[in-house]
Structures are given as C-alpha cells and as structure tokens.
Amino acid sequence: MGGGNGGGSGGGILNTGGVLNVINTSFTLNSADIYGHAIYNGYSINVANSIFWNNGIGGYQLYGPPNGSINYSIVQGGFPGTGNINSNPLFNNPATRDLHVMYNSPAIDAGDN
C-alpha cells in the first residue's frame, strides 16, 4: 500500500472495530494528520511479515491500543514484538511504487512461515 492520506488518522488503514489481520503487506508513503501514518488501530490487530517504512513525518507508523500482535515485521522507528527490526528494507524503487526488496534487504529470510 502506498501514497494514501487518511486525513485525521490512519493514512493506510483506519480500523475502528473488529480484528484486523495484516500479513505480507508493505506500507510506504502514507500519511495522516494526527496518528497512525500507516495504520490507526482502534480495536485489535495482528500483523506478520510486513513492512512499515517511510510513512509520514514524525508521529507513529502504527498507533492504537496494543490489542493483538505485531511480529516478524520491519517497522521504522522500531516496535515491540517477536522478530521485529528497525532497518531500511531496501525497496527497489519506492518512488515508482516498485516495493520489491533488493537482494541485500534485511527483510529476506526475516519473516516467519
């Protein structure tokens, strides 16, 4: 996902109810005016094997109550969880929305099957 502006909160996704499952997804170039440049979670969230990089300026990539889990993901600025890392994922060309990772990306073999 890339290039969204959620206005108030949740530039990529605004979750206000229900369980949100995000698996094998990349978020980049999203922004929100208040919280959650990539995701604003108002209920419960489960994230695995995903990338949150270069979303908004300042603030939070992910925001909301810690109901659920975020694991084996790259989160700019860091995020608690098993296997999470704070390293540039080395997208091939994010300016043209080519979010394939380069051969030397820290994302390679860092996920969980």
Protein backbone atom coordinates (compact mmCIF):
# COMPACT_ATOMS: atom_id res chain seq x y z
CA MET A 1 0.00 0.00 0.00
CA GLY A 2 1.38 3.41 -0.72
CA GLY A 3 0.51 7.00 -1.17
CA GLY A 4 -2.61 7.35 0.96
CA ASN A 5 -3.53 10.28 3.18
CA GLY A 6 -6.03 9.38 5.85
CA GLY A 7 -6.73 12.95 6.85
CA GLY A 8 -7.24 12.63 10.61
CA SER A 9 -5.83 9.20 11.46
CA GLY A 10 -4.90 6.03 9.62
CA GLY A 11 -3.14 7.05 6.41
CA GLY A 12 -3.15 3.47 5.06
CA ILE A 13 -5.80 1.76 7.21
CA LEU A 14 -8.22 3.07 9.84
CA ASN A 15 -9.53 0.18 11.97
CA THR A 16 -12.31 1.20 14.37
CA GLY A 17 -13.83 -2.19 15.12
CA GLY A 18 -13.17 -5.87 14.63
CA VAL A 19 -9.94 -7.78 14.34
CA LEU A 20 -7.61 -6.57 11.58
CA ASN A 21 -5.18 -9.14 10.15
CA VAL A 22 -2.30 -7.79 8.06
CA ILE A 23 0.06 -10.37 6.57
CA ASN A 24 2.82 -9.96 3.96
CA THR A 25 1.99 -6.30 3.30
CA SER A 26 4.20 -3.26 2.69
CA PHE A 27 3.18 0.26 3.72
CA THR A 28 5.11 3.24 2.41
CA LEU A 29 4.41 6.88 1.50
CA ASN A 30 1.20 7.02 3.58
CA SER A 31 0.43 9.88 5.96
CA ALA A 32 -2.14 11.02 8.47
CA ASP A 33 -2.71 14.41 10.02
CA ILE A 34 -2.93 13.06 13.57
CA TYR A 35 -1.95 9.43 14.32
CA GLY A 36 -1.02 6.25 12.52
CA HIS A 37 0.62 7.20 9.27
CA ALA A 38 0.31 3.58 8.10
CA ILE A 39 -2.34 2.12 10.44
CA TYR A 40 -4.56 3.54 13.16
CA ASN A 41 -5.88 0.64 15.21
CA GLY A 42 -8.90 1.31 17.39
CA TYR A 43 -9.65 -2.29 18.27
CA SER A 44 -7.43 -5.34 17.69
CA ILE A 45 -4.69 -6.07 15.18
CA ASN A 46 -2.48 -8.99 14.15
CA VAL A 47 0.44 -8.19 11.85
CA ALA A 48 3.06 -10.58 10.49
CA ASN A 49 5.77 -10.41 7.84
CA SER A 50 5.03 -6.81 6.88
CA ILE A 51 6.97 -3.61 6.26
CA PHE A 52 6.18 -0.12 7.58
CA TRP A 53 8.71 2.32 6.16
CA ASN A 54 8.75 5.99 5.11
CA ASN A 55 5.18 6.76 6.19
CA GLY A 56 4.57 10.34 7.29
CA ILE A 57 6.92 12.68 9.10
CA GLY A 58 7.25 12.15 12.84
CA GLY A 59 4.43 10.57 14.77
CA TYR A 60 3.74 6.88 14.64
CA GLN A 61 3.81 4.31 11.85
CA LEU A 62 1.29 2.28 13.84
CA TYR A 63 -0.97 3.72 16.52
CA GLY A 64 -3.60 2.40 18.85
CA PRO A 65 -4.18 0.09 21.78
CA PRO A 66 -1.81 -2.88 21.97
CA ASN A 67 -4.54 -5.49 21.45
CA GLY A 68 -3.11 -8.23 19.28
CA SER A 69 0.43 -8.62 18.00
CA ILE A 70 2.93 -7.27 15.51
CA ASN A 71 5.67 -9.78 14.76
CA TYR A 72 8.39 -10.51 12.20
CA SER A 73 7.99 -7.11 10.60
CA ILE A 74 10.17 -4.16 9.69
CA VAL A 75 8.87 -1.07 11.47
CA GLN A 76 10.66 2.25 11.03
CA GLY A 77 11.40 3.61 14.49
CA GLY A 78 11.03 0.13 15.99
CA PHE A 79 8.09 -1.67 17.55
CA PRO A 80 7.89 -4.30 20.30
CA GLY A 81 7.24 -7.83 19.15
CA THR A 82 8.96 -11.06 18.22
CA GLY A 83 11.38 -10.74 15.31
CA ASN A 84 10.68 -7.05 14.55
CA ILE A 85 13.54 -4.97 13.17
CA ASN A 86 14.19 -1.29 12.53
CA SER A 87 16.28 -1.38 9.34
CA ASN A 88 15.71 0.11 5.91
CA PRO A 89 14.02 -2.65 3.87
CA LEU A 90 15.83 -1.50 0.70
CA PHE A 91 12.88 -1.28 -1.67
CA ASN A 92 13.90 -1.46 -5.31
CA ASN A 93 12.31 1.89 -6.33
CA PRO A 94 9.64 3.22 -3.95
CA ALA A 95 9.23 6.43 -5.99
CA THR A 96 7.68 4.36 -8.79
CA ARG A 97 5.85 2.06 -6.34
CA ASP A 98 8.25 -0.83 -7.02
CA LEU A 99 8.29 -2.28 -3.50
CA HIS A 100 10.22 -5.41 -4.36
CA VAL A 101 13.14 -5.65 -1.96
CA MET A 102 16.71 -5.74 -3.22
CA TYR A 103 18.85 -8.86 -2.90
CA ASN A 104 20.61 -7.50 0.21
CA SER A 105 17.45 -6.42 2.06
CA PRO A 106 17.21 -7.25 5.78
CA ALA A 107 13.65 -8.45 5.01
CA ILE A 108 14.93 -11.52 3.16
CA ASP A 109 14.53 -14.61 5.35
CA ALA A 110 13.45 -12.44 8.32
CA GLY A 111 9.77 -13.45 8.25
CA ASP A 112 8.02 -16.38 9.87
CA ASN A 113 6.36 -19.15 7.88
